[in-house]
Amino acid sequence: MDAPPAPVVIDLSLTYGPLLIGNLIGVAFWGAQCIQTVYYFVNYPKDSTLLKTWVMVLWGLDTAHVIICVKGIWFQLIRHYGDYVSLGNIRPELIYQLMITGIVAFMAQCYLARRIFIFGTKTVFKWAIPVILAPLIAFQLVGLMIYAGRGLTYKTTDQLAVEMNLAIGINSASTAVDVIITLAMCTLLYRSRNGLASTDRLLGRLMISSLNTGAWTALFATASIILVTTHPNDLLYSLTYIPICALYCNTILGNLTSRSFFRKAANLHGAQLPLDTISFPFPTSSHSQTTEQTTSKLHTLNSISEDPSQPDLSTGKNSDEHAV
């Protein structure tokens, strides 16, 4: 008696394998974001309603992103298990998640670019860098919407490969924005040193925080460029692209929730630098101009809290000035 024919074997290691792993990484990052979100609302109740709403919008978008990604892969690997024809089709959920990623990246990068605009005192930082960043940030959002719109008209993943150049351009712009923001913030912090050991030590920690802000998102975007270039007909890029949405959210929340750490560090090392909201006008004092500028810049750096009632470390009192 002849043996039964061998079942059809389809190798999914370069398509739905990366999608599955990318989803798992994204869910892990989403879990970290949930913890940071709870921590933020517990420890920063005096932040403005606008900022709290903005944080909730980010959390809601990333939650929707996770649900859509899981739903997309569920239909292909579970509900349509054994349907070999559907494996090559594009699930609309995997296109919708691109739109959410574009919106989240736009919100996060605008927030980080705003810090440079407020923190910078010279024209090159206050205006030139934001002007350079603006078209790159806008291109990502518009480019992703175009990519997603075209993707919904295609039926198979092979057809989507024709948009490879657009995908590379979007990820390249994302990498450029993250690198420019990181270098600009580190440069501004470095130039703010005033020779006081406690102040310079605190600025060094802020520089490390700024590096962490942009390094991870730039790294994931760069990896996506490499993977989509070397494997245009596969979905390997989803390994690093799907988690980018949650990574941006964690980056912003990390900035928001680190304020108390830097305040405690300033108190511990005796750095007489207020690390809360920026206020205008800055009061004049008998200190040197360099020290005054450094204090003003550090006010600005921590303008994340947009609530004027945050305590001023230098006096231990609440500020009654209007916060930007």
C-alpha atoms as a PDB file:
ATOM      1  CA  MET A   1       0.000   0.000   0.000  1.00  0.00           C
ATOM      2  CA  ASP A   2       1.382   3.362  -1.005  1.00  0.00           C
ATOM      3  CA  ALA A   3       2.173   5.932   1.644  1.00  0.00           C
ATOM      4  CA  PRO A   4      -0.124   8.979   1.798  1.00  0.00           C
ATOM      5  CA  PRO A   5       1.171  12.037  -0.038  1.00  0.00           C
ATOM      6  CA  ALA A   6       3.217  14.478   1.981  1.00  0.00           C
ATOM      7  CA  PRO A   7       1.294  17.530   3.170  1.00  0.00           C
ATOM      8  CA  VAL A   8       1.962  20.881   1.588  1.00  0.00           C
ATOM      9  CA  VAL A   9       4.758  22.632   3.449  1.00  0.00           C
ATOM     10  CA  ILE A  10       4.969  26.425   3.321  1.00  0.00           C
ATOM     11  CA  ASP A  11       7.894  28.242   4.878  1.00  0.00           C
ATOM     12  CA  LEU A  12       6.613  31.233   6.864  1.00  0.00           C
ATOM     13  CA  SER A  13       9.898  32.006   8.583  1.00  0.00           C
ATOM     14  CA  LEU A  14      10.460  35.196   6.563  1.00  0.00           C
ATOM     15  CA  THR A  15       6.854  36.416   6.488  1.00  0.00           C
ATOM     16  CA  TYR A  16       4.583  35.616   9.404  1.00  0.00           C
ATOM     17  CA  GLY A  17       7.499  34.583  11.581  1.00  0.00           C
ATOM     18  CA  PRO A  18       8.826  38.169  11.809  1.00  0.00           C
ATOM     19  CA  LEU A  19       5.257  39.465  12.139  1.00  0.00           C
ATOM     20  CA  LEU A  20       4.665  37.200  15.129  1.00  0.00           C
ATOM     21  CA  ILE A  21       7.931  38.138  16.841  1.00  0.00           C
ATOM     22  CA  GLY A  22       7.408  41.836  16.100  1.00  0.00           C
ATOM     23  CA  ASN A  23       3.948  41.599  17.665  1.00  0.00           C
ATOM     24  CA  LEU A  24       5.363  39.944  20.778  1.00  0.00           C
ATOM     25  CA  ILE A  25       7.978  42.691  21.155  1.00  0.00           C
ATOM     26  CA  GLY A  26       5.310  45.335  20.606  1.00  0.00           C
ATOM     27  CA  VAL A  27       3.054  43.792  23.266  1.00  0.00           C
ATOM     28  CA  ALA A  28       5.978  43.741  25.715  1.00  0.00           C
ATOM     29  CA  PHE A  29       6.666  47.439  25.053  1.00  0.00           C
ATOM     30  CA  TRP A  30       2.947  48.163  25.428  1.00  0.00           C
ATOM     31  CA  GLY A  31       3.004  46.482  28.841  1.00  0.00           C
ATOM     32  CA  ALA A  32       5.916  48.697  29.878  1.00  0.00           C
ATOM     33  CA  GLN A  33       3.981  51.714  28.649  1.00  0.00           C
ATOM     34  CA  CYS A  34       0.955  50.738  30.754  1.00  0.00           C
ATOM     35  CA  ILE A  35       3.162  50.633  33.860  1.00  0.00           C
ATOM     36  CA  GLN A  36       4.675  54.022  33.025  1.00  0.00           C
ATOM     37  CA  THR A  37       1.228  55.502  32.365  1.00  0.00           C
ATOM     38  CA  VAL A  38      -0.070  54.398  35.770  1.00  0.00           C
ATOM     39  CA  TYR A  39       3.119  55.678  37.403  1.00  0.00           C
ATOM     40  CA  TYR A  40       2.711  59.018  35.663  1.00  0.00           C
ATOM     41  CA  PHE A  41      -0.865  59.598  36.814  1.00  0.00           C
ATOM     42  CA  VAL A  42      -0.065  58.527  40.378  1.00  0.00           C
ATOM     43  CA  ASN A  43       3.052  60.685  40.762  1.00  0.00           C
ATOM     44  CA  TYR A  44       2.185  63.756  38.673  1.00  0.00           C
ATOM     45  CA  PRO A  45      -1.422  64.629  39.593  1.00  0.00           C
ATOM     46  CA  LYS A  46      -0.749  68.377  39.263  1.00  0.00           C
ATOM     47  CA  ASP A  47       0.156  68.262  35.579  1.00  0.00           C
ATOM     48  CA  SER A  48      -2.177  70.134  33.283  1.00  0.00           C
ATOM     49  CA  THR A  49      -5.330  68.514  31.961  1.00  0.00           C
ATOM     50  CA  LEU A  50      -4.043  69.010  28.416  1.00  0.00           C
ATOM     51  CA  LEU A  51      -0.874  67.047  29.143  1.00  0.00           C
ATOM     52  CA  LYS A  52      -2.795  64.258  30.882  1.00  0.00           C
ATOM     53  CA  THR A  53      -5.174  64.046  27.935  1.00  0.00           C
ATOM     54  CA  TRP A  54      -2.215  63.893  25.562  1.00  0.00           C
ATOM     55  CA  VAL A  55      -0.741  60.983  27.548  1.00  0.00           C
ATOM     56  CA  MET A  56      -4.070  59.144  27.439  1.00  0.00           C
ATOM     57  CA  VAL A  57      -4.326  59.684  23.680  1.00  0.00           C
ATOM     58  CA  LEU A  58      -0.871  58.142  23.232  1.00  0.00           C
ATOM     59  CA  TRP A  59      -1.827  55.177  25.397  1.00  0.00           C
ATOM     60  CA  GLY A  60      -5.115  54.746  23.514  1.00  0.00           C
ATOM     61  CA  LEU A  61      -3.399  54.844  20.121  1.00  0.00           C
ATOM     62  CA  ASP A  62      -0.792  52.287  21.136  1.00  0.00           C
ATOM     63  CA  THR A  63      -3.477  50.046  22.647  1.00  0.00           C
ATOM     64  CA  ALA A  64      -5.413  50.206  19.382  1.00  0.00           C
ATOM     65  CA  HIS A  65      -2.164  49.465  17.532  1.00  0.00           C
ATOM     66  CA  VAL A  66      -1.582  46.302  19.582  1.00  0.00           C
ATOM     67  CA  ILE A  67      -5.172  45.101  19.112  1.00  0.00           C
ATOM     68  CA  ILE A  68      -5.062  45.662  15.354  1.00  0.00           C
ATOM     69  CA  CYS A  69      -1.719  43.875  14.969  1.00  0.00           C
ATOM     70  CA  VAL A  70      -2.861  40.870  17.023  1.00  0.00           C
ATOM     71  CA  LYS A  71      -6.136  40.705  15.101  1.00  0.00           C
ATOM     72  CA  GLY A  72      -4.320  40.777  11.765  1.00  0.00           C
ATOM     73  CA  ILE A  73      -2.018  37.913  12.612  1.00  0.00           C
ATOM     74  CA  TRP A  74      -4.842  35.955  14.308  1.00  0.00           C
ATOM     75  CA  PHE A  75      -6.891  35.864  11.123  1.00  0.00           C
ATOM     76  CA  GLN A  76      -4.016  34.508   9.063  1.00  0.00           C
ATOM     77  CA  LEU A  77      -2.462  32.009  11.449  1.00  0.00           C
ATOM     78  CA  ILE A  78      -5.495  30.824  13.433  1.00  0.00           C
ATOM     79  CA  ARG A  79      -8.832  31.512  11.777  1.00  0.00           C
ATOM     80  CA  HIS A  80      -7.569  30.748   8.261  1.00  0.00           C
ATOM     81  CA  TYR A  81      -5.177  28.019   9.329  1.00  0.00           C
ATOM     82  CA  GLY A  82      -4.571  25.682   6.417  1.00  0.00           C
ATOM     83  CA  ASP A  83      -5.816  28.209   3.864  1.00  0.00           C
ATOM     84  CA  TYR A  84      -2.598  28.534   1.902  1.00  0.00           C
ATOM     85  CA  VAL A  85      -4.051  31.051  -0.528  1.00  0.00           C
ATOM     86  CA  SER A  86      -4.908  33.563   2.216  1.00  0.00           C
ATOM     87  CA  LEU A  87      -1.344  33.484   3.559  1.00  0.00           C
ATOM     88  CA  GLY A  88      -0.192  35.540   0.600  1.00  0.00           C
ATOM     89  CA  ASN A  89      -2.976  38.092   0.967  1.00  0.00           C
ATOM     90  CA  ILE A  90      -2.598  41.417   2.742  1.00  0.00           C
ATOM     91  CA  ARG A  91      -4.709  41.800   5.846  1.00  0.00           C
ATOM     92  CA  PRO A  92      -6.103  45.359   6.130  1.00  0.00           C
ATOM     93  CA  GLU A  93      -5.228  45.376   9.848  1.00  0.00           C
ATOM     94  CA  LEU A  94      -1.541  45.237   8.968  1.00  0.00           C
ATOM     95  CA  ILE A  95      -2.043  48.386   6.888  1.00  0.00           C
ATOM     96  CA  TYR A  96      -4.110  50.215   9.499  1.00  0.00           C
ATOM     97  CA  GLN A  97      -1.346  49.784  12.060  1.00  0.00           C
ATOM     98  CA  LEU A  98       0.945  51.809   9.789  1.00  0.00           C
ATOM     99  CA  MET A  99      -1.417  54.775  10.069  1.00  0.00           C
ATOM    100  CA  ILE A 100      -1.404  54.603  13.866  1.00  0.00           C
ATOM    101  CA  THR A 101       2.382  54.370  13.921  1.00  0.00           C
ATOM    102  CA  GLY A 102       2.572  57.475  11.738  1.00  0.00           C
ATOM    103  CA  ILE A 103       0.291  59.459  14.060  1.00  0.00           C
ATOM    104  CA  VAL A 104       2.181  58.393  17.206  1.00  0.00           C
ATOM    105  CA  ALA A 105       5.571  59.162  15.638  1.00  0.00           C
ATOM    106  CA  PHE A 106       4.275  62.575  14.551  1.00  0.00           C
ATOM    107  CA  MET A 107       3.058  63.386  18.082  1.00  0.00           C
ATOM    108  CA  ALA A 108       6.264  62.186  19.739  1.00  0.00           C
ATOM    109  CA  GLN A 109       8.655  63.940  17.383  1.00  0.00           C
ATOM    110  CA  CYS A 110       6.704  67.211  17.511  1.00  0.00           C
ATOM    111  CA  TYR A 111       6.936  67.053  21.289  1.00  0.00           C
ATOM    112  CA  LEU A 112      10.702  66.487  21.210  1.00  0.00           C
ATOM    113  CA  ALA A 113      11.215  69.198  18.580  1.00  0.00           C
ATOM    114  CA  ARG A 114       9.225  71.589  20.762  1.00  0.00           C
ATOM    115  CA  ARG A 115      11.726  71.028  23.577  1.00  0.00           C
ATOM    116  CA  ILE A 116      14.546  72.186  21.320  1.00  0.00           C
ATOM    117  CA  PHE A 117      12.580  75.264  20.249  1.00  0.00           C
ATOM    118  CA  ILE A 118      11.917  76.274  23.866  1.00  0.00           C
ATOM    119  CA  PHE A 119      15.287  75.220  25.237  1.00  0.00           C
ATOM    120  CA  GLY A 120      17.373  76.906  22.534  1.00  0.00           C
ATOM    121  CA  THR A 121      18.492  80.479  23.019  1.00  0.00           C
ATOM    122  CA  LYS A 122      20.468  80.936  19.803  1.00  0.00           C
ATOM    123  CA  THR A 123      18.863  81.179  16.398  1.00  0.00           C
ATOM    124  CA  VAL A 124      20.509  78.015  15.074  1.00  0.00           C
ATOM    125  CA  PHE A 125      18.822  75.921  17.771  1.00  0.00           C
ATOM    126  CA  LYS A 126      15.630  77.870  18.357  1.00  0.00           C
ATOM    127  CA  TRP A 127      14.659  78.239  14.703  1.00  0.00           C
ATOM    128  CA  ALA A 128      17.041  76.503  12.276  1.00  0.00           C
ATOM    129  CA  ILE A 129      16.791  72.992  13.720  1.00  0.00           C
ATOM    130  CA  PRO A 130      12.983  73.023  14.143  1.00  0.00           C
ATOM    131  CA  VAL A 131      12.678  74.344  10.578  1.00  0.00           C
ATOM    132  CA  ILE A 132      14.821  71.427   9.357  1.00  0.00           C
ATOM    133  CA  LEU A 133      12.844  68.927  11.413  1.00  0.00           C
ATOM    134  CA  ALA A 134       9.381  70.158  10.402  1.00  0.00           C
ATOM    135  CA  PRO A 135       9.376  68.894   6.773  1.00  0.00           C
ATOM    136  CA  LEU A 136      10.964  65.581   7.794  1.00  0.00           C
ATOM    137  CA  ILE A 137       8.329  64.996  10.464  1.00  0.00           C
ATOM    138  CA  ALA A 138       5.529  65.991   8.093  1.00  0.00           C
ATOM    139  CA  PHE A 139       6.933  63.743   5.345  1.00  0.00           C
ATOM    140  CA  GLN A 140       6.754  60.724   7.641  1.00  0.00           C
ATOM    141  CA  LEU A 141       3.086  61.260   8.434  1.00  0.00           C
ATOM    142  CA  VAL A 142       2.052  62.042   4.864  1.00  0.00           C
ATOM    143  CA  GLY A 143       4.286  59.309   3.440  1.00  0.00           C
ATOM    144  CA  LEU A 144       2.838  56.671   5.749  1.00  0.00           C
ATOM    145  CA  MET A 145      -0.701  57.664   4.834  1.00  0.00           C
ATOM    146  CA  ILE A 146       0.168  57.381   1.137  1.00  0.00           C
ATOM    147  CA  TYR A 147       1.891  54.037   1.721  1.00  0.00           C
ATOM    148  CA  ALA A 148      -1.100  52.742   3.684  1.00  0.00           C
ATOM    149  CA  GLY A 149      -3.574  54.017   1.105  1.00  0.00           C
ATOM    150  CA  ARG A 150      -1.747  52.280  -1.713  1.00  0.00           C
ATOM    151  CA  GLY A 151      -1.295  49.163   0.402  1.00  0.00           C
ATOM    152  CA  LEU A 152      -5.051  48.798   0.812  1.00  0.00           C
ATOM    153  CA  THR A 153      -5.403  48.571  -2.983  1.00  0.00           C
ATOM    154  CA  TYR A 154      -3.008  45.623  -3.218  1.00  0.00           C
ATOM    155  CA  LYS A 155      -4.033  42.030  -2.680  1.00  0.00           C
ATOM    156  CA  THR A 156      -0.739  40.272  -1.944  1.00  0.00           C
ATOM    157  CA  THR A 157       2.451  41.069  -0.044  1.00  0.00           C
ATOM    158  CA  ASP A 158       4.451  40.712  -3.259  1.00  0.00           C
ATOM    159  CA  GLN A 159       2.541  43.652  -4.757  1.00  0.00           C
ATOM    160  CA  LEU A 160       3.331  45.769  -1.701  1.00  0.00           C
ATOM    161  CA  ALA A 161       7.048  45.354  -2.432  1.00  0.00           C
ATOM    162  CA  VAL A 162       6.769  47.940  -5.231  1.00  0.00           C
ATOM    163  CA  GLU A 163       6.448  50.611  -2.522  1.00  0.00           C
ATOM    164  CA  MET A 164       9.862  49.736  -1.105  1.00  0.00           C
ATOM    165  CA  ASN A 165      11.421  53.100  -2.003  1.00  0.00           C
ATOM    166  CA  LEU A 166       8.683  54.979  -0.169  1.00  0.00           C
ATOM    167  CA  ALA A 167       9.109  52.751   2.880  1.00  0.00           C
ATOM    168  CA  ILE A 168      12.861  53.366   2.876  1.00  0.00           C
ATOM    169  CA  GLY A 169      12.312  57.115   2.591  1.00  0.00           C
ATOM    170  CA  ILE A 170       9.895  57.145   5.535  1.00  0.00           C
ATOM    171  CA  ASN A 171      12.237  55.192   7.800  1.00  0.00           C
ATOM    172  CA  SER A 172      15.217  57.286   6.696  1.00  0.00           C
ATOM    173  CA  ALA A 173      13.359  60.470   7.629  1.00  0.00           C
ATOM    174  CA  SER A 174      12.446  58.963  10.992  1.00  0.00           C
ATOM    175  CA  THR A 175      16.065  58.055  11.690  1.00  0.00           C
ATOM    176  CA  ALA A 176      17.270  61.512  10.659  1.00  0.00           C
ATOM    177  CA  VAL A 177      14.758  63.249  12.942  1.00  0.00           C
ATOM    178  CA  ASP A 178      15.679  61.111  15.955  1.00  0.00           C
ATOM    179  CA  VAL A 179      19.415  61.621  15.406  1.00  0.00           C
ATOM    180  CA  ILE A 180      19.093  65.403  14.892  1.00  0.00           C
ATOM    181  CA  ILE A 181      16.944  65.792  18.006  1.00  0.00           C
ATOM    182  CA  THR A 182      19.353  63.736  20.108  1.00  0.00           C
ATOM    183  CA  LEU A 183      22.459  65.592  18.924  1.00  0.00           C
ATOM    184  CA  ALA A 184      20.783  68.987  19.312  1.00  0.00           C
ATOM    185  CA  MET A 185      19.667  68.293  22.880  1.00  0.00           C
ATOM    186  CA  CYS A 186      23.079  66.926  23.887  1.00  0.00           C
ATOM    187  CA  THR A 187      24.781  69.972  22.354  1.00  0.00           C
ATOM    188  CA  LEU A 188      22.468  72.369  24.166  1.00  0.00           C
ATOM    189  CA  LEU A 189      23.049  70.604  27.472  1.00  0.00           C
ATOM    190  CA  TYR A 190      26.808  70.535  26.949  1.00  0.00           C
ATOM    191  CA  ARG A 191      26.870  74.267  26.223  1.00  0.00           C
ATOM    192  CA  SER A 192      24.862  74.903  29.389  1.00  0.00           C
ATOM    193  CA  ARG A 193      27.655  73.818  31.733  1.00  0.00           C
ATOM    194  CA  ASN A 194      28.770  76.513  34.158  1.00  0.00           C
ATOM    195  CA  GLY A 195      31.767  74.883  35.851  1.00  0.00           C
ATOM    196  CA  LEU A 196      29.951  73.874  39.040  1.00  0.00           C
ATOM    197  CA  ALA A 197      30.521  70.176  39.712  1.00  0.00           C
ATOM    198  CA  SER A 198      26.978  69.500  40.920  1.00  0.00           C
ATOM    199  CA  THR A 199      25.426  71.308  37.963  1.00  0.00           C
ATOM    200  CA  ASP A 200      27.694  69.663  35.388  1.00  0.00           C
ATOM    201  CA  ARG A 201      26.992  66.261  36.928  1.00  0.00           C
ATOM    202  CA  LEU A 202      23.268  66.823  36.620  1.00  0.00           C
ATOM    203  CA  LEU A 203      23.647  68.037  33.036  1.00  0.00           C
ATOM    204  CA  GLY A 204      25.617  64.883  32.269  1.00  0.00           C
ATOM    205  CA  ARG A 205      22.724  62.765  33.474  1.00  0.00           C
ATOM    206  CA  LEU A 206      20.334  64.785  31.360  1.00  0.00           C
ATOM    207  CA  MET A 207      22.579  64.195  28.339  1.00  0.00           C
ATOM    208  CA  ILE A 208      22.453  60.443  28.940  1.00  0.00           C
ATOM    209  CA  SER A 209      18.674  60.665  29.201  1.00  0.00           C
ATOM    210  CA  SER A 210      18.535  62.558  25.899  1.00  0.00           C
ATOM    211  CA  LEU A 211      20.702  59.923  24.230  1.00  0.00           C
ATOM    212  CA  ASN A 212      18.343  57.202  25.425  1.00  0.00           C
ATOM    213  CA  THR A 213      15.411  59.222  24.115  1.00  0.00           C
ATOM    214  CA  GLY A 214      16.495  59.110  20.487  1.00  0.00           C
ATOM    215  CA  ALA A 215      18.924  56.215  20.295  1.00  0.00           C
ATOM    216  CA  TRP A 216      16.410  53.363  20.518  1.00  0.00           C
ATOM    217  CA  THR A 217      13.895  54.728  18.036  1.00  0.00           C
ATOM    218  CA  ALA A 218      16.709  55.603  15.611  1.00  0.00           C
ATOM    219  CA  LEU A 219      18.174  52.113  16.024  1.00  0.00           C
ATOM    220  CA  PHE A 220      14.858  50.378  15.297  1.00  0.00           C
ATOM    221  CA  ALA A 221      14.168  52.631  12.298  1.00  0.00           C
ATOM    222  CA  THR A 222      17.659  51.981  10.915  1.00  0.00           C
ATOM    223  CA  ALA A 223      17.200  48.235  11.334  1.00  0.00           C
ATOM    224  CA  SER A 224      13.893  48.490   9.452  1.00  0.00           C
ATOM    225  CA  ILE A 225      15.660  50.256   6.569  1.00  0.00           C
ATOM    226  CA  ILE A 226      18.297  47.532   6.366  1.00  0.00           C
ATOM    227  CA  LEU A 227      15.743  44.713   6.479  1.00  0.00           C
ATOM    228  CA  VAL A 228      13.352  46.224   3.925  1.00  0.00           C
ATOM    229  CA  THR A 229      16.300  46.896   1.590  1.00  0.00           C
ATOM    230  CA  THR A 230      17.875  43.459   1.848  1.00  0.00           C
ATOM    231  CA  HIS A 231      14.567  41.513   1.881  1.00  0.00           C
ATOM    232  CA  PRO A 232      12.037  43.594  -0.098  1.00  0.00           C
ATOM    233  CA  ASN A 233       9.744  40.632  -0.815  1.00  0.00           C
ATOM    234  CA  ASP A 234       9.579  39.430   2.789  1.00  0.00           C
ATOM    235  CA  LEU A 235       8.226  40.872   6.028  1.00  0.00           C
ATOM    236  CA  LEU A 236      11.464  40.803   7.980  1.00  0.00           C
ATOM    237  CA  TYR A 237      11.272  44.564   8.552  1.00  0.00           C
ATOM    238  CA  SER A 238       8.218  44.010  10.778  1.00  0.00           C
ATOM    239  CA  LEU A 239      10.577  42.628  13.431  1.00  0.00           C
ATOM    240  CA  THR A 240      11.698  46.153  14.243  1.00  0.00           C
ATOM    241  CA  TYR A 241       8.995  48.304  12.670  1.00  0.00           C
ATOM    242  CA  ILE A 242       5.918  47.068  14.545  1.00  0.00           C
ATOM    243  CA  PRO A 243       7.439  47.826  18.000  1.00  0.00           C
ATOM    244  CA  ILE A 244       8.324  51.419  16.977  1.00  0.00           C
ATOM    245  CA  CYS A 245       4.844  52.697  17.885  1.00  0.00           C
ATOM    246  CA  ALA A 246       5.110  51.502  21.500  1.00  0.00           C
ATOM    247  CA  LEU A 247       8.755  52.550  21.613  1.00  0.00           C
ATOM    248  CA  TYR A 248       7.869  56.178  20.847  1.00  0.00           C
ATOM    249  CA  CYS A 249       5.196  56.117  23.558  1.00  0.00           C
ATOM    250  CA  ASN A 250       7.669  54.708  26.086  1.00  0.00           C
ATOM    251  CA  THR A 251      10.204  57.345  25.090  1.00  0.00           C
ATOM    252  CA  ILE A 252       7.797  60.194  25.827  1.00  0.00           C
ATOM    253  CA  LEU A 253       6.549  58.661  29.064  1.00  0.00           C
ATOM    254  CA  GLY A 254      10.132  58.046  30.116  1.00  0.00           C
ATOM    255  CA  ASN A 255      10.785  61.773  29.736  1.00  0.00           C
ATOM    256  CA  LEU A 256       7.686  62.655  31.717  1.00  0.00           C
ATOM    257  CA  THR A 257       8.246  60.220  34.571  1.00  0.00           C
ATOM    258  CA  SER A 258      11.963  60.969  34.967  1.00  0.00           C
ATOM    259  CA  ARG A 259      11.350  64.477  36.311  1.00  0.00           C
ATOM    260  CA  SER A 260      11.135  63.359  39.937  1.00  0.00           C
ATOM    261  CA  PHE A 261      14.418  61.451  39.567  1.00  0.00           C
ATOM    262  CA  PHE A 262      16.267  64.539  38.345  1.00  0.00           C
ATOM    263  CA  ARG A 263      14.698  66.693  41.049  1.00  0.00           C
ATOM    264  CA  LYS A 264      15.900  64.277  43.720  1.00  0.00           C
ATOM    265  CA  ALA A 265      19.338  64.148  42.107  1.00  0.00           C
ATOM    266  CA  ALA A 266      19.498  67.946  42.122  1.00  0.00           C
ATOM    267  CA  ASN A 267      18.621  68.042  45.823  1.00  0.00           C
ATOM    268  CA  LEU A 268      21.037  65.242  46.685  1.00  0.00           C
ATOM    269  CA  HIS A 269      24.026  66.863  44.975  1.00  0.00           C
ATOM    270  CA  GLY A 270      23.140  70.395  45.988  1.00  0.00           C
ATOM    271  CA  ALA A 271      22.532  71.645  42.461  1.00  0.00           C
ATOM    272  CA  GLN A 272      20.621  74.875  42.886  1.00  0.00           C
ATOM    273  CA  LEU A 273      18.779  74.480  39.622  1.00  0.00           C
ATOM    274  CA  PRO A 274      14.997  74.422  39.354  1.00  0.00           C
ATOM    275  CA  LEU A 275      13.922  71.445  37.303  1.00  0.00           C
ATOM    276  CA  ASP A 276      10.285  72.043  36.756  1.00  0.00           C
ATOM    277  CA  THR A 277       8.417  74.339  34.425  1.00  0.00           C
ATOM    278  CA  ILE A 278       9.726  77.202  32.375  1.00  0.00           C
ATOM    279  CA  SER A 279       8.425  80.592  33.413  1.00  0.00           C
ATOM    280  CA  PHE A 280       8.646  84.001  31.745  1.00  0.00           C
ATOM    281  CA  PRO A 281      10.095  86.384  32.520  1.00  0.00           C
ATOM    282  CA  PHE A 282      13.028  84.894  34.413  1.00  0.00           C
ATOM    283  CA  PRO A 283      13.904  86.913  37.494  1.00  0.00           C
ATOM    284  CA  THR A 284      17.238  88.659  37.419  1.00  0.00           C
ATOM    285  CA  SER A 285      19.799  87.960  40.109  1.00  0.00           C
ATOM    286  CA  SER A 286      23.312  88.831  41.126  1.00  0.00           C
ATOM    287  CA  HIS A 287      24.692  85.609  39.644  1.00  0.00           C
ATOM    288  CA  SER A 288      26.836  85.613  36.570  1.00  0.00           C
ATOM    289  CA  GLN A 289      25.217  85.622  33.145  1.00  0.00           C
ATOM    290  CA  THR A 290      26.375  82.076  32.445  1.00  0.00           C
ATOM    291  CA  THR A 291      24.752  80.690  35.581  1.00  0.00           C
ATOM    292  CA  GLU A 292      21.542  82.604  34.838  1.00  0.00           C
ATOM    293  CA  GLN A 293      21.383  81.236  31.287  1.00  0.00           C
ATOM    294  CA  THR A 294      22.028  77.706  32.526  1.00  0.00           C
ATOM    295  CA  THR A 295      19.226  77.988  35.073  1.00  0.00           C
ATOM    296  CA  SER A 296      16.872  79.308  32.402  1.00  0.00           C
ATOM    297  CA  LYS A 297      17.749  76.474  30.041  1.00  0.00           C
ATOM    298  CA  LEU A 298      17.177  73.849  32.698  1.00  0.00           C
ATOM    299  CA  HIS A 299      13.826  75.449  33.449  1.00  0.00           C
ATOM    300  CA  THR A 300      13.041  75.035  29.788  1.00  0.00           C
ATOM    301  CA  LEU A 301      14.309  71.477  29.479  1.00  0.00           C
ATOM    302  CA  ASN A 302      11.793  70.361  32.038  1.00  0.00           C
ATOM    303  CA  SER A 303       8.892  72.237  30.532  1.00  0.00           C
ATOM    304  CA  ILE A 304       7.329  68.808  30.095  1.00  0.00           C
ATOM    305  CA  SER A 305       5.263  69.403  33.210  1.00  0.00           C
ATOM    306  CA  GLU A 306       3.174  72.357  31.987  1.00  0.00           C
ATOM    307  CA  ASP A 307       1.797  72.949  35.501  1.00  0.00           C
ATOM    308  CA  PRO A 308       2.921  76.076  37.370  1.00  0.00           C
ATOM    309  CA  SER A 309       2.332  74.491  40.763  1.00  0.00           C
ATOM    310  CA  GLN A 310       5.320  72.149  40.543  1.00  0.00           C
ATOM    311  CA  PRO A 311       7.812  72.845  43.339  1.00  0.00           C
ATOM    312  CA  ASP A 312      10.924  74.898  42.612  1.00  0.00           C
ATOM    313  CA  LEU A 313      13.984  73.067  43.913  1.00  0.00           C
ATOM    314  CA  SER A 314      15.972  76.189  44.470  1.00  0.00           C
ATOM    315  CA  THR A 315      13.457  77.614  46.952  1.00  0.00           C
ATOM    316  CA  GLY A 316      11.382  74.607  47.960  1.00  0.00           C
ATOM    317  CA  LYS A 317       8.249  76.650  47.219  1.00  0.00           C
ATOM    318  CA  ASN A 318       5.614  76.518  44.580  1.00  0.00           C
ATOM    319  CA  SER A 319       5.969  78.840  41.616  1.00  0.00           C
ATOM    320  CA  ASP A 320       3.116  81.232  40.987  1.00  0.00           C
ATOM    321  CA  GLU A 321       4.339  82.258  37.557  1.00  0.00           C
ATOM    322  CA  HIS A 322       2.605  81.186  34.404  1.00  0.00           C
ATOM    323  CA  ALA A 323       4.097  78.039  32.868  1.00  0.00           C
ATOM    324  CA  VAL A 324       4.514  77.505  29.178  1.00  0.00           C
END
